[in-house]
Amino acid sequence: PTSQGRLTDTLLKDEKSNTVSVVR
């Protein structure tokens, strides 16, 4: 949406599937 910016999220890793998701 913008030409520059900062993304701040909370990430949680699922070790079994080796995938990461954005969580609250």
PDB file of all heavy atoms in Angstrom:
ATOM      1  N   PRO A   1       0.787  -1.236   0.000  1.00  0.00           N
ATOM      2  CA  PRO A   1       0.000   0.000   0.000  1.00  0.00           C
ATOM      3  C   PRO A   1       0.819   1.285   0.000  1.00  0.00           C
ATOM      4  O   PRO A   1       0.342   2.325  -0.450  1.00  0.00           O
ATOM      5  CB  PRO A   1      -0.840  -0.110   1.281  1.00  0.00           C
ATOM      6  CG  PRO A   1      -0.131  -1.120   2.131  1.00  0.00           C
ATOM      7  CD  PRO A   1       0.534  -2.055   1.188  1.00  0.00           C
ATOM      8  N   THR A   2       2.059   1.231   0.492  1.00  0.00           N
ATOM      9  CA  THR A   2       2.913   2.420   0.517  1.00  0.00           C
ATOM     10  C   THR A   2       4.273   2.085  -0.076  1.00  0.00           C
ATOM     11  O   THR A   2       4.690   0.920  -0.089  1.00  0.00           O
ATOM     12  CB  THR A   2       3.115   2.938   1.964  1.00  0.00           C
ATOM     13  OG1 THR A   2       3.658   1.871   2.762  1.00  0.00           O
ATOM     14  CG2 THR A   2       1.790   3.395   2.567  1.00  0.00           C
ATOM     15  N   SER A   3       4.979   3.105  -0.560  1.00  0.00           N
ATOM     16  CA  SER A   3       6.276   2.874  -1.210  1.00  0.00           C
ATOM     17  C   SER A   3       7.362   2.481  -0.218  1.00  0.00           C
ATOM     18  O   SER A   3       8.380   1.885  -0.601  1.00  0.00           O
ATOM     19  CB  SER A   3       6.714   4.118  -1.982  1.00  0.00           C
ATOM     20  OG  SER A   3       6.845   5.213  -1.100  1.00  0.00           O
ATOM     21  N   GLN A   4       7.160   2.820   1.040  1.00  0.00           N
ATOM     22  CA  GLN A   4       8.065   2.320   2.078  1.00  0.00           C
ATOM     23  C   GLN A   4       7.311   2.277   3.398  1.00  0.00           C
ATOM     24  O   GLN A   4       6.328   2.972   3.590  1.00  0.00           O
ATOM     25  CB  GLN A   4       9.328   3.158   2.197  1.00  0.00           C
ATOM     26  CG  GLN A   4       9.145   4.637   2.418  1.00  0.00           C
ATOM     27  CD  GLN A   4      10.497   5.349   2.415  1.00  0.00           C
ATOM     28  OE1 GLN A   4      11.416   4.975   1.679  1.00  0.00           O
ATOM     29  NE2 GLN A   4      10.624   6.356   3.232  1.00  0.00           N
ATOM     30  N   GLY A   5       7.770   1.423   4.285  1.00  0.00           N
ATOM     31  CA  GLY A   5       7.070   1.299   5.557  1.00  0.00           C
ATOM     32  C   GLY A   5       7.736   0.288   6.463  1.00  0.00           C
ATOM     33  O   GLY A   5       8.752  -0.322   6.122  1.00  0.00           O
ATOM     34  N   ARG A   6       7.135   0.112   7.624  1.00  0.00           N
ATOM     35  CA  ARG A   6       7.624  -0.860   8.619  1.00  0.00           C
ATOM     36  C   ARG A   6       6.518  -1.869   8.899  1.00  0.00           C
ATOM     37  O   ARG A   6       5.357  -1.485   9.104  1.00  0.00           O
ATOM     38  CB  ARG A   6       8.039  -0.160   9.907  1.00  0.00           C
ATOM     39  CG  ARG A   6       8.367  -1.111  11.057  1.00  0.00           C
ATOM     40  CD  ARG A   6       9.067  -0.416  12.213  1.00  0.00           C
ATOM     41  NE  ARG A   6      10.442  -0.044  11.824  1.00  0.00           N
ATOM     42  CZ  ARG A   6      11.343   0.458  12.671  1.00  0.00           C
ATOM     43  NH1 ARG A   6      11.019   0.661  13.942  1.00  0.00           N
ATOM     44  NH2 ARG A   6      12.553   0.771  12.249  1.00  0.00           N
ATOM     45  N   LEU A   7       6.877  -3.143   8.903  1.00  0.00           N
ATOM     46  CA  LEU A   7       5.937  -4.190   9.273  1.00  0.00           C
ATOM     47  C   LEU A   7       6.341  -4.746  10.631  1.00  0.00           C
ATOM     48  O   LEU A   7       7.496  -5.138  10.839  1.00  0.00           O
ATOM     49  CB  LEU A   7       5.939  -5.325   8.242  1.00  0.00           C
ATOM     50  CG  LEU A   7       5.620  -4.970   6.783  1.00  0.00           C
ATOM     51  CD1 LEU A   7       5.601  -6.231   5.923  1.00  0.00           C
ATOM     52  CD2 LEU A   7       4.295  -4.231   6.678  1.00  0.00           C
ATOM     53  N   THR A   8       5.393  -4.753  11.567  1.00  0.00           N
ATOM     54  CA  THR A   8       5.617  -5.310  12.903  1.00  0.00           C
ATOM     55  C   THR A   8       4.539  -6.348  13.172  1.00  0.00           C
ATOM     56  O   THR A   8       3.345  -6.027  13.149  1.00  0.00           O
ATOM     57  CB  THR A   8       5.574  -4.214  13.980  1.00  0.00           C
ATOM     58  OG1 THR A   8       6.551  -3.208  13.673  1.00  0.00           O
ATOM     59  CG2 THR A   8       5.864  -4.775  15.358  1.00  0.00           C
ATOM     60  N   ASP A   9       4.947  -7.572  13.385  1.00  0.00           N
ATOM     61  CA  ASP A   9       4.007  -8.667  13.618  1.00  0.00           C
ATOM     62  C   ASP A   9       4.513  -9.557  14.739  1.00  0.00           C
ATOM     63  O   ASP A   9       5.676  -9.479  15.144  1.00  0.00           O
ATOM     64  CB  ASP A   9       3.851  -9.527  12.354  1.00  0.00           C
ATOM     65  CG  ASP A   9       3.195  -8.780  11.203  1.00  0.00           C
ATOM     66  OD1 ASP A   9       2.008  -8.437  11.322  1.00  0.00           O
ATOM     67  OD2 ASP A   9       3.889  -8.535  10.191  1.00  0.00           O
ATOM     68  N   THR A  10       3.621 -10.414  15.229  1.00  0.00           N
ATOM     69  CA  THR A  10       4.022 -11.479  16.150  1.00  0.00           C
ATOM     70  C   THR A  10       3.974 -12.785  15.378  1.00  0.00           C
ATOM     71  O   THR A  10       2.952 -13.112  14.759  1.00  0.00           O
ATOM     72  CB  THR A  10       3.076 -11.537  17.368  1.00  0.00           C
ATOM     73  OG1 THR A  10       3.103 -10.274  18.042  1.00  0.00           O
ATOM     74  CG2 THR A  10       3.510 -12.631  18.336  1.00  0.00           C
ATOM     75  N   LEU A  11       5.081 -13.514  15.382  1.00  0.00           N
ATOM     76  CA  LEU A  11       5.170 -14.758  14.629  1.00  0.00           C
ATOM     77  C   LEU A  11       5.280 -15.956  15.563  1.00  0.00           C
ATOM     78  O   LEU A  11       5.940 -15.893  16.605  1.00  0.00           O
ATOM     79  CB  LEU A  11       6.392 -14.740  13.695  1.00  0.00           C
ATOM     80  CG  LEU A  11       6.482 -13.603  12.665  1.00  0.00           C
ATOM     81  CD1 LEU A  11       7.674 -13.819  11.754  1.00  0.00           C
ATOM     82  CD2 LEU A  11       5.198 -13.483  11.845  1.00  0.00           C
ATOM     83  N   LEU A  12       4.632 -17.041  15.155  1.00  0.00           N
ATOM     84  CA  LEU A  12       4.677 -18.282  15.926  1.00  0.00           C
ATOM     85  C   LEU A  12       5.117 -19.410  15.007  1.00  0.00           C
ATOM     86  O   LEU A  12       4.548 -19.600  13.925  1.00  0.00           O
ATOM     87  CB  LEU A  12       3.292 -18.591  16.505  1.00  0.00           C
ATOM     88  CG  LEU A  12       3.194 -19.841  17.393  1.00  0.00           C
ATOM     89  CD1 LEU A  12       4.015 -19.673  18.670  1.00  0.00           C
ATOM     90  CD2 LEU A  12       1.730 -20.133  17.728  1.00  0.00           C
ATOM     91  N   LYS A  13       6.118 -20.161  15.431  1.00  0.00           N
ATOM     92  CA  LYS A  13       6.628 -21.264  14.608  1.00  0.00           C
ATOM     93  C   LYS A  13       6.057 -22.600  15.063  1.00  0.00           C
ATOM     94  O   LYS A  13       6.029 -22.897  16.265  1.00  0.00           O
ATOM     95  CB  LYS A  13       8.164 -21.313  14.667  1.00  0.00           C
ATOM     96  CG  LYS A  13       8.759 -22.387  13.756  1.00  0.00           C
ATOM     97  CD  LYS A  13      10.270 -22.279  13.633  1.00  0.00           C
ATOM     98  CE  LYS A  13      10.790 -23.294  12.617  1.00  0.00           C
ATOM     99  NZ  LYS A  13      12.245 -23.216  12.444  1.00  0.00           N
ATOM    100  N   ASP A  14       5.599 -23.384  14.095  1.00  0.00           N
ATOM    101  CA  ASP A  14       5.168 -24.761  14.339  1.00  0.00           C
ATOM    102  C   ASP A  14       6.344 -25.658  13.973  1.00  0.00           C
ATOM    103  O   ASP A  14       6.652 -25.844  12.790  1.00  0.00           O
ATOM    104  CB  ASP A  14       3.943 -25.083  13.475  1.00  0.00           C
ATOM    105  CG  ASP A  14       3.403 -26.491  13.716  1.00  0.00           C
ATOM    106  OD1 ASP A  14       4.206 -27.378  14.081  1.00  0.00           O
ATOM    107  OD2 ASP A  14       2.190 -26.717  13.533  1.00  0.00           O
ATOM    108  N   GLU A  15       7.014 -26.179  14.987  1.00  0.00           N
ATOM    109  CA  GLU A  15       8.234 -26.967  14.750  1.00  0.00           C
ATOM    110  C   GLU A  15       7.947 -28.241  13.952  1.00  0.00           C
ATOM    111  O   GLU A  15       8.769 -28.681  13.157  1.00  0.00           O
ATOM    112  CB  GLU A  15       8.902 -27.329  16.089  1.00  0.00           C
ATOM    113  CG  GLU A  15       9.405 -26.128  16.884  1.00  0.00           C
ATOM    114  CD  GLU A  15      10.602 -25.443  16.255  1.00  0.00           C
ATOM    115  OE1 GLU A  15      11.202 -26.007  15.313  1.00  0.00           O
ATOM    116  OE2 GLU A  15      10.940 -24.331  16.698  1.00  0.00           O
ATOM    117  N   LYS A  16       6.770 -28.837  14.163  1.00  0.00           N
ATOM    118  CA  LYS A  16       6.441 -30.095  13.482  1.00  0.00           C
ATOM    119  C   LYS A  16       6.352 -29.909  11.973  1.00  0.00           C
ATOM    120  O   LYS A  16       6.870 -30.709  11.202  1.00  0.00           O
ATOM    121  CB  LYS A  16       5.127 -30.659  14.025  1.00  0.00           C
ATOM    122  CG  LYS A  16       5.256 -31.322  15.389  1.00  0.00           C
ATOM    123  CD  LYS A  16       3.952 -31.973  15.800  1.00  0.00           C
ATOM    124  CE  LYS A  16       4.102 -32.647  17.165  1.00  0.00           C
ATOM    125  NZ  LYS A  16       2.811 -33.244  17.606  1.00  0.00           N
ATOM    126  N   SER A  17       5.674 -28.840  11.545  1.00  0.00           N
ATOM    127  CA  SER A  17       5.487 -28.617  10.104  1.00  0.00           C
ATOM    128  C   SER A  17       6.531 -27.671   9.523  1.00  0.00           C
ATOM    129  O   SER A  17       6.570 -27.442   8.316  1.00  0.00           O
ATOM    130  CB  SER A  17       4.086 -28.053   9.845  1.00  0.00           C
ATOM    131  OG  SER A  17       3.945 -26.775  10.462  1.00  0.00           O
ATOM    132  N   ASN A  18       7.388 -27.096  10.405  1.00  0.00           N
ATOM    133  CA  ASN A  18       8.387 -26.108   9.999  1.00  0.00           C
ATOM    134  C   ASN A  18       7.738 -24.960   9.221  1.00  0.00           C
ATOM    135  O   ASN A  18       8.216 -24.543   8.168  1.00  0.00           O
ATOM    136  CB  ASN A  18       9.500 -26.750   9.167  1.00  0.00           C
ATOM    137  CG  ASN A  18      10.678 -25.805   8.959  1.00  0.00           C
ATOM    138  OD1 ASN A  18      10.970 -24.958   9.807  1.00  0.00           O
ATOM    139  ND2 ASN A  18      11.345 -25.906   7.824  1.00  0.00           N
ATOM    140  N   THR A  19       6.614 -24.480   9.754  1.00  0.00           N
ATOM    141  CA  THR A  19       5.933 -23.321   9.171  1.00  0.00           C
ATOM    142  C   THR A  19       5.738 -22.265  10.250  1.00  0.00           C
ATOM    143  O   THR A  19       5.689 -22.573  11.447  1.00  0.00           O
ATOM    144  CB  THR A  19       4.557 -23.696   8.586  1.00  0.00           C
ATOM    145  OG1 THR A  19       3.774 -24.320   9.604  1.00  0.00           O
ATOM    146  CG2 THR A  19       4.703 -24.627   7.388  1.00  0.00           C
ATOM    147  N   VAL A  20       5.623 -21.025   9.799  1.00  0.00           N
ATOM    148  CA  VAL A  20       5.472 -19.889  10.702  1.00  0.00           C
ATOM    149  C   VAL A  20       4.203 -19.142  10.322  1.00  0.00           C
ATOM    150  O   VAL A  20       3.863 -19.036   9.143  1.00  0.00           O
ATOM    151  CB  VAL A  20       6.703 -18.955  10.599  1.00  0.00           C
ATOM    152  CG1 VAL A  20       6.554 -17.738  11.497  1.00  0.00           C
ATOM    153  CG2 VAL A  20       7.984 -19.724  10.938  1.00  0.00           C
ATOM    154  N   SER A  21       3.501 -18.627  11.322  1.00  0.00           N
ATOM    155  CA  SER A  21       2.274 -17.868  11.044  1.00  0.00           C
ATOM    156  C   SER A  21       2.236 -16.595  11.878  1.00  0.00           C
ATOM    157  O   SER A  21       2.883 -16.501  12.924  1.00  0.00           O
ATOM    158  CB  SER A  21       1.029 -18.721  11.315  1.00  0.00           C
ATOM    159  OG  SER A  21       1.066 -19.246  12.627  1.00  0.00           O
ATOM    160  N   VAL A  22       1.487 -15.612  11.373  1.00  0.00           N
ATOM    161  CA  VAL A  22       1.262 -14.367  12.109  1.00  0.00           C
ATOM    162  C   VAL A  22       0.136 -14.612  13.108  1.00  0.00           C
ATOM    163  O   VAL A  22      -0.930 -15.115  12.739  1.00  0.00           O
ATOM    164  CB  VAL A  22       0.887 -13.218  11.147  1.00  0.00           C
ATOM    165  CG1 VAL A  22       0.525 -11.963  11.929  1.00  0.00           C
ATOM    166  CG2 VAL A  22       2.036 -12.928  10.181  1.00  0.00           C
ATOM    167  N   VAL A  23       0.381 -14.287  14.373  1.00  0.00           N
ATOM    168  CA  VAL A  23      -0.613 -14.501  15.433  1.00  0.00           C
ATOM    169  C   VAL A  23      -0.827 -13.200  16.209  1.00  0.00           C
ATOM    170  O   VAL A  23      -0.106 -12.216  16.009  1.00  0.00           O
ATOM    171  CB  VAL A  23      -0.161 -15.621  16.396  1.00  0.00           C
ATOM    172  CG1 VAL A  23      -0.093 -16.963  15.675  1.00  0.00           C
ATOM    173  CG2 VAL A  23       1.193 -15.295  17.033  1.00  0.00           C
ATOM    174  N   ARG A  24      -1.830 -13.214  17.079  1.00  0.00           N
ATOM    175  CA  ARG A  24      -2.118 -12.032  17.903  1.00  0.00           C
ATOM    176  C   ARG A  24      -0.983 -11.765  18.883  1.00  0.00           C
ATOM    177  O   ARG A  24      -0.391 -12.707  19.415  1.00  0.00           O
ATOM    178  CB  ARG A  24      -3.426 -12.212  18.676  1.00  0.00           C
ATOM    179  CG  ARG A  24      -4.691 -12.002  17.848  1.00  0.00           C
ATOM    180  CD  ARG A  24      -5.882 -11.715  18.747  1.00  0.00           C
ATOM    181  NE  ARG A  24      -6.093 -12.823  19.684  1.00  0.00           N
ATOM    182  CZ  ARG A  24      -6.907 -13.841  19.441  1.00  0.00           C
ATOM    183  NH1 ARG A  24      -7.572 -13.912  18.314  1.00  0.00           N
ATOM    184  NH2 ARG A  24      -7.050 -14.799  20.335  1.00  0.00           N
TER     185      ARG A  24
END
